[in-house]
């Protein structure tokens, strides 16, 4: 996050477009687990946003849904409720018409 802050401070032209700083806006996005379901990217991501802003995603055909789900569990970062949210509940909350 420090690098974003540094670059933001250097780029004066961006400051009027992001008056609250880049971290504020990055914390309002949702992120998926496609190609980022292992410990290192997830530790970084969870320092930025809570599990309620992480969505299950795969990079099929390179990574499978089964492999991504296994990777998420192997990190040990998430309890059962957070895993359920990442794997389904967060997406349902954002797109309720796909609940079924």
N, C-alpha and C. Protein backbone atom coordinates (compact mmCIF):
# COMPACT_ATOMS: atom_id res chain seq x y z
N UNK A 1 0.82 -1.18 0.00
CA UNK A 1 0.00 0.00 0.00
C UNK A 1 0.87 1.25 0.00
N UNK A 2 2.04 1.15 0.59
CA UNK A 2 2.92 2.32 0.65
C UNK A 2 3.33 2.77 -0.74
N UNK A 3 3.52 1.82 -1.64
CA UNK A 3 3.92 2.19 -3.00
C UNK A 3 2.81 2.98 -3.69
N UNK A 4 1.55 2.54 -3.51
CA UNK A 4 0.44 3.28 -4.10
C UNK A 4 0.38 4.69 -3.53
N UNK A 5 0.58 4.80 -2.24
CA UNK A 5 0.55 6.11 -1.61
C UNK A 5 1.67 6.99 -2.13
N UNK A 6 2.86 6.42 -2.27
CA UNK A 6 3.99 7.18 -2.79
C UNK A 6 3.71 7.67 -4.20
N UNK A 7 3.27 6.75 -5.07
CA UNK A 7 2.98 7.13 -6.46
C UNK A 7 1.88 8.17 -6.53
N UNK A 8 0.89 8.03 -5.68
CA UNK A 8 -0.21 8.98 -5.64
C UNK A 8 0.30 10.36 -5.23
N UNK A 9 1.20 10.41 -4.27
CA UNK A 9 1.75 11.68 -3.82
C UNK A 9 2.63 12.33 -4.89
N UNK A 10 3.28 11.50 -5.70
CA UNK A 10 4.12 12.02 -6.78
C UNK A 10 3.27 12.53 -7.94
N UNK A 11 2.21 11.79 -8.25
CA UNK A 11 1.33 12.15 -9.38
C UNK A 11 0.26 13.13 -8.92
N UNK A 12 0.58 14.39 -8.91
CA UNK A 12 -0.35 15.43 -8.46
C UNK A 12 -1.60 15.49 -9.33
N UNK A 13 -1.50 15.07 -10.59
CA UNK A 13 -2.66 15.09 -11.48
C UNK A 13 -3.74 14.10 -11.07
N UNK A 14 -3.37 13.07 -10.30
CA UNK A 14 -4.36 12.08 -9.86
C UNK A 14 -5.12 12.52 -8.62
N UNK A 15 -4.56 13.41 -7.86
CA UNK A 15 -5.15 13.77 -6.57
C UNK A 15 -6.56 14.35 -6.67
N UNK A 16 -6.87 15.20 -7.64
CA UNK A 16 -8.25 15.67 -7.73
C UNK A 16 -9.25 14.56 -8.09
N UNK A 17 -8.77 13.54 -8.81
CA UNK A 17 -9.66 12.44 -9.20
C UNK A 17 -9.85 11.42 -8.09
N UNK A 18 -8.95 11.38 -7.14
CA UNK A 18 -9.05 10.46 -6.00
C UNK A 18 -8.76 11.24 -4.71
N UNK A 19 -9.65 12.10 -4.32
CA UNK A 19 -9.36 12.98 -3.18
C UNK A 19 -9.11 12.24 -1.87
N UNK A 20 -9.59 11.02 -1.74
CA UNK A 20 -9.40 10.29 -0.48
C UNK A 20 -8.21 9.33 -0.54
N UNK A 21 -7.45 9.37 -1.62
CA UNK A 21 -6.29 8.50 -1.75
C UNK A 21 -6.64 7.16 -2.36
N UNK A 22 -5.68 6.48 -2.98
CA UNK A 22 -5.96 5.23 -3.68
C UNK A 22 -6.45 4.10 -2.78
N UNK A 23 -5.94 4.00 -1.58
CA UNK A 23 -6.35 2.90 -0.69
C UNK A 23 -7.84 2.93 -0.42
N UNK A 24 -8.40 4.09 -0.23
CA UNK A 24 -9.83 4.22 0.03
C UNK A 24 -10.64 3.60 -1.10
N UNK A 25 -10.27 3.89 -2.32
CA UNK A 25 -11.02 3.38 -3.48
C UNK A 25 -10.75 1.90 -3.72
N UNK A 26 -9.52 1.47 -3.52
CA UNK A 26 -9.20 0.05 -3.69
C UNK A 26 -9.97 -0.81 -2.69
N UNK A 27 -10.26 -0.28 -1.54
CA UNK A 27 -10.99 -1.03 -0.52
C UNK A 27 -12.47 -1.16 -0.84
N UNK A 28 -12.94 -0.50 -1.88
CA UNK A 28 -14.34 -0.60 -2.27
C UNK A 28 -14.57 -1.52 -3.45
N UNK A 29 -13.51 -2.12 -3.98
CA UNK A 29 -13.64 -3.07 -5.08
C UNK A 29 -13.84 -4.48 -4.51
N UNK A 30 -14.27 -5.37 -5.41
CA UNK A 30 -14.33 -6.79 -5.12
C UNK A 30 -13.23 -7.46 -5.92
N UNK A 31 -12.64 -8.49 -5.36
CA UNK A 31 -11.51 -9.17 -5.98
C UNK A 31 -11.82 -10.66 -6.07
N UNK A 32 -11.32 -11.32 -7.12
CA UNK A 32 -11.55 -12.76 -7.20
C UNK A 32 -10.25 -13.54 -7.02
N UNK A 33 -10.41 -14.83 -6.88
CA UNK A 33 -9.28 -15.71 -6.57
C UNK A 33 -8.64 -16.32 -7.81
N UNK A 34 -9.03 -15.90 -9.01
CA UNK A 34 -8.45 -16.46 -10.23
C UNK A 34 -6.94 -16.20 -10.23
N UNK A 35 -6.18 -17.26 -10.30
CA UNK A 35 -4.71 -17.22 -10.29
C UNK A 35 -4.13 -16.55 -9.05
N UNK A 36 -4.92 -16.46 -7.99
CA UNK A 36 -4.43 -15.83 -6.75
C UNK A 36 -5.00 -16.54 -5.54
N UNK A 37 -5.03 -17.86 -5.57
CA UNK A 37 -5.67 -18.61 -4.49
C UNK A 37 -4.66 -19.22 -3.52
N UNK A 38 -3.41 -18.82 -3.61
CA UNK A 38 -2.40 -19.36 -2.71
C UNK A 38 -2.05 -18.32 -1.64
N UNK A 39 -1.23 -18.71 -0.71
CA UNK A 39 -0.99 -17.93 0.50
C UNK A 39 -0.48 -16.51 0.23
N UNK A 40 0.52 -16.34 -0.62
CA UNK A 40 1.12 -15.01 -0.78
C UNK A 40 0.17 -13.95 -1.32
N UNK A 41 -0.52 -14.18 -2.43
CA UNK A 41 -1.44 -13.14 -2.89
C UNK A 41 -2.62 -12.94 -1.94
N UNK A 42 -3.07 -14.00 -1.29
CA UNK A 42 -4.22 -13.86 -0.39
C UNK A 42 -3.86 -13.12 0.90
N UNK A 43 -2.66 -13.31 1.40
CA UNK A 43 -2.25 -12.54 2.58
C UNK A 43 -2.26 -11.05 2.25
N UNK A 44 -1.71 -10.72 1.09
CA UNK A 44 -1.70 -9.31 0.67
C UNK A 44 -3.12 -8.79 0.49
N UNK A 45 -3.96 -9.57 -0.16
CA UNK A 45 -5.33 -9.14 -0.40
C UNK A 45 -6.11 -8.95 0.89
N UNK A 46 -5.95 -9.86 1.84
CA UNK A 46 -6.69 -9.75 3.09
C UNK A 46 -6.18 -8.61 3.97
N UNK A 47 -5.04 -8.06 3.65
CA UNK A 47 -4.58 -6.84 4.35
C UNK A 47 -5.30 -5.61 3.80
N UNK A 48 -5.84 -5.74 2.60
CA UNK A 48 -6.54 -4.64 1.95
C UNK A 48 -8.05 -4.71 2.16
N UNK A 49 -8.63 -5.89 2.00
CA UNK A 49 -10.09 -6.04 2.11
C UNK A 49 -10.45 -7.25 2.96
N UNK A 50 -11.65 -7.25 3.54
CA UNK A 50 -12.11 -8.42 4.30
C UNK A 50 -12.60 -9.52 3.35
N UNK A 51 -12.77 -10.74 3.86
CA UNK A 51 -13.26 -11.84 3.01
C UNK A 51 -14.60 -11.56 2.34
N UNK A 52 -15.39 -10.64 2.86
CA UNK A 52 -16.68 -10.30 2.24
C UNK A 52 -16.52 -9.63 0.88
N UNK A 53 -15.30 -9.23 0.52
CA UNK A 53 -15.05 -8.60 -0.78
C UNK A 53 -14.20 -9.49 -1.69
N UNK A 54 -14.11 -10.76 -1.34
CA UNK A 54 -13.36 -11.70 -2.16
C UNK A 54 -14.34 -12.69 -2.77
N UNK A 55 -14.24 -12.89 -4.07
CA UNK A 55 -15.13 -13.79 -4.80
C UNK A 55 -14.34 -14.97 -5.35
N UNK A 56 -14.97 -16.11 -5.39
CA UNK A 56 -14.35 -17.30 -5.95
C UNK A 56 -14.21 -17.13 -7.45
N UNK A 57 -13.03 -17.39 -7.97
CA UNK A 57 -12.81 -17.34 -9.40
C UNK A 57 -11.69 -18.29 -9.76
N UNK A 58 -11.75 -18.83 -10.96
CA UNK A 58 -10.68 -19.70 -11.44
C UNK A 58 -10.13 -19.13 -12.73
N UNK A 59 -9.02 -19.63 -13.14
CA UNK A 59 -8.43 -19.22 -14.40
C UNK A 59 -8.49 -20.40 -15.36
N UNK A 60 -9.69 -21.01 -15.43
CA UNK A 60 -9.91 -22.16 -16.29
C UNK A 60 -9.57 -21.78 -17.73
N UNK A 61 -8.88 -22.59 -18.47
CA UNK A 61 -8.55 -23.99 -18.26
C UNK A 61 -7.21 -24.21 -17.56
N UNK A 62 -6.54 -23.15 -17.16
CA UNK A 62 -5.23 -23.31 -16.54
C UNK A 62 -5.34 -23.84 -15.11
N UNK A 63 -6.34 -23.38 -14.38
CA UNK A 63 -6.59 -23.86 -13.02
C UNK A 63 -8.05 -24.27 -12.93
N UNK A 64 -8.30 -25.34 -12.20
CA UNK A 64 -9.67 -25.83 -12.07
C UNK A 64 -10.34 -25.27 -10.82
N UNK A 65 -11.65 -25.36 -10.78
CA UNK A 65 -12.39 -24.93 -9.59
C UNK A 65 -12.01 -25.78 -8.39
N UNK A 66 -11.83 -27.07 -8.60
CA UNK A 66 -11.45 -27.97 -7.51
C UNK A 66 -10.08 -27.58 -6.95
N UNK A 67 -9.14 -27.31 -7.82
CA UNK A 67 -7.81 -26.91 -7.38
C UNK A 67 -7.81 -25.57 -6.66
N UNK A 68 -8.59 -24.63 -7.16
CA UNK A 68 -8.69 -23.32 -6.52
C UNK A 68 -9.30 -23.45 -5.13
N UNK A 69 -10.37 -24.24 -5.01
CA UNK A 69 -11.00 -24.46 -3.70
C UNK A 69 -10.02 -25.11 -2.73
N UNK A 70 -9.25 -26.07 -3.21
CA UNK A 70 -8.26 -26.73 -2.35
C UNK A 70 -7.19 -25.74 -1.91
N UNK A 71 -6.73 -24.90 -2.84
CA UNK A 71 -5.73 -23.89 -2.49
C UNK A 71 -6.25 -22.95 -1.41
N UNK A 72 -7.49 -22.51 -1.53
CA UNK A 72 -8.07 -21.61 -0.53
C UNK A 72 -8.06 -22.24 0.85
N UNK A 73 -8.38 -23.51 0.93
CA UNK A 73 -8.41 -24.21 2.22
C UNK A 73 -6.99 -24.41 2.77
N UNK A 74 -6.05 -24.70 1.90
CA UNK A 74 -4.68 -24.95 2.33
C UNK A 74 -4.00 -23.71 2.92
N UNK A 75 -4.46 -22.53 2.57
CA UNK A 75 -3.83 -21.32 3.10
C UNK A 75 -4.03 -21.20 4.60
N UNK A 76 -5.17 -21.71 5.10
CA UNK A 76 -5.49 -21.59 6.52
C UNK A 76 -5.89 -20.18 6.93
N UNK A 77 -6.10 -19.31 5.96
CA UNK A 77 -6.46 -17.92 6.25
C UNK A 77 -7.93 -17.73 6.60
N UNK A 78 -8.77 -18.65 6.17
CA UNK A 78 -10.21 -18.45 6.26
C UNK A 78 -10.88 -19.54 7.08
N UNK A 79 -11.83 -19.14 7.92
CA UNK A 79 -12.63 -20.13 8.64
C UNK A 79 -13.75 -20.61 7.70
N UNK A 80 -14.56 -21.52 8.18
CA UNK A 80 -15.61 -22.12 7.33
C UNK A 80 -16.58 -21.07 6.82
N UNK A 81 -16.94 -20.11 7.64
CA UNK A 81 -17.87 -19.06 7.21
C UNK A 81 -17.28 -18.19 6.12
N UNK A 82 -16.02 -17.83 6.25
CA UNK A 82 -15.37 -17.01 5.23
C UNK A 82 -15.23 -17.78 3.92
N UNK A 83 -14.90 -19.07 4.01
CA UNK A 83 -14.81 -19.88 2.79
C UNK A 83 -16.16 -19.97 2.09
N UNK A 84 -17.22 -20.16 2.86
CA UNK A 84 -18.57 -20.22 2.28
C UNK A 84 -18.91 -18.89 1.60
N UNK A 85 -18.52 -17.79 2.24
CA UNK A 85 -18.78 -16.47 1.66
C UNK A 85 -18.00 -16.30 0.36
N UNK A 86 -16.73 -16.66 0.35
CA UNK A 86 -15.91 -16.52 -0.84
C UNK A 86 -16.41 -17.41 -1.97
N UNK A 87 -16.77 -18.63 -1.64
CA UNK A 87 -17.15 -19.60 -2.65
C UNK A 87 -18.56 -19.39 -3.21
N UNK A 88 -19.45 -18.72 -2.44
CA UNK A 88 -20.81 -18.55 -2.95
C UNK A 88 -21.51 -17.30 -2.44
N UNK A 89 -21.54 -17.10 -1.14
CA UNK A 89 -22.42 -16.09 -0.55
C UNK A 89 -22.11 -14.67 -1.01
N UNK A 90 -20.85 -14.32 -1.19
CA UNK A 90 -20.52 -12.97 -1.64
C UNK A 90 -21.06 -12.71 -3.04
N UNK A 91 -20.95 -13.69 -3.93
CA UNK A 91 -21.46 -13.55 -5.29
C UNK A 91 -22.98 -13.46 -5.28
N UNK A 92 -23.63 -14.25 -4.45
CA UNK A 92 -25.09 -14.21 -4.36
C UNK A 92 -25.56 -12.85 -3.86
N UNK A 93 -24.82 -12.29 -2.91
CA UNK A 93 -25.18 -10.97 -2.39
C UNK A 93 -25.08 -9.90 -3.49
N UNK A 94 -24.06 -10.03 -4.35
CA UNK A 94 -23.88 -9.06 -5.43
C UNK A 94 -24.83 -9.30 -6.60
N UNK A 95 -25.16 -10.56 -6.84
CA UNK A 95 -25.99 -10.94 -8.01
C UNK A 95 -27.11 -11.86 -7.55
N UNK A 96 -28.09 -11.34 -6.82
CA UNK A 96 -29.12 -12.21 -6.22
C UNK A 96 -29.95 -13.00 -7.23
N UNK A 97 -30.05 -12.54 -8.45
CA UNK A 97 -30.87 -13.30 -9.42
C UNK A 97 -30.24 -14.64 -9.78
N UNK A 98 -28.96 -14.83 -9.46
CA UNK A 98 -28.29 -16.10 -9.74
C UNK A 98 -28.24 -17.02 -8.50
N UNK A 99 -29.06 -16.74 -7.51
CA UNK A 99 -29.08 -17.50 -6.27
C UNK A 99 -29.24 -18.99 -6.48
N UNK A 100 -30.08 -19.39 -7.37
CA UNK A 100 -30.36 -20.82 -7.61
C UNK A 100 -29.16 -21.46 -8.20
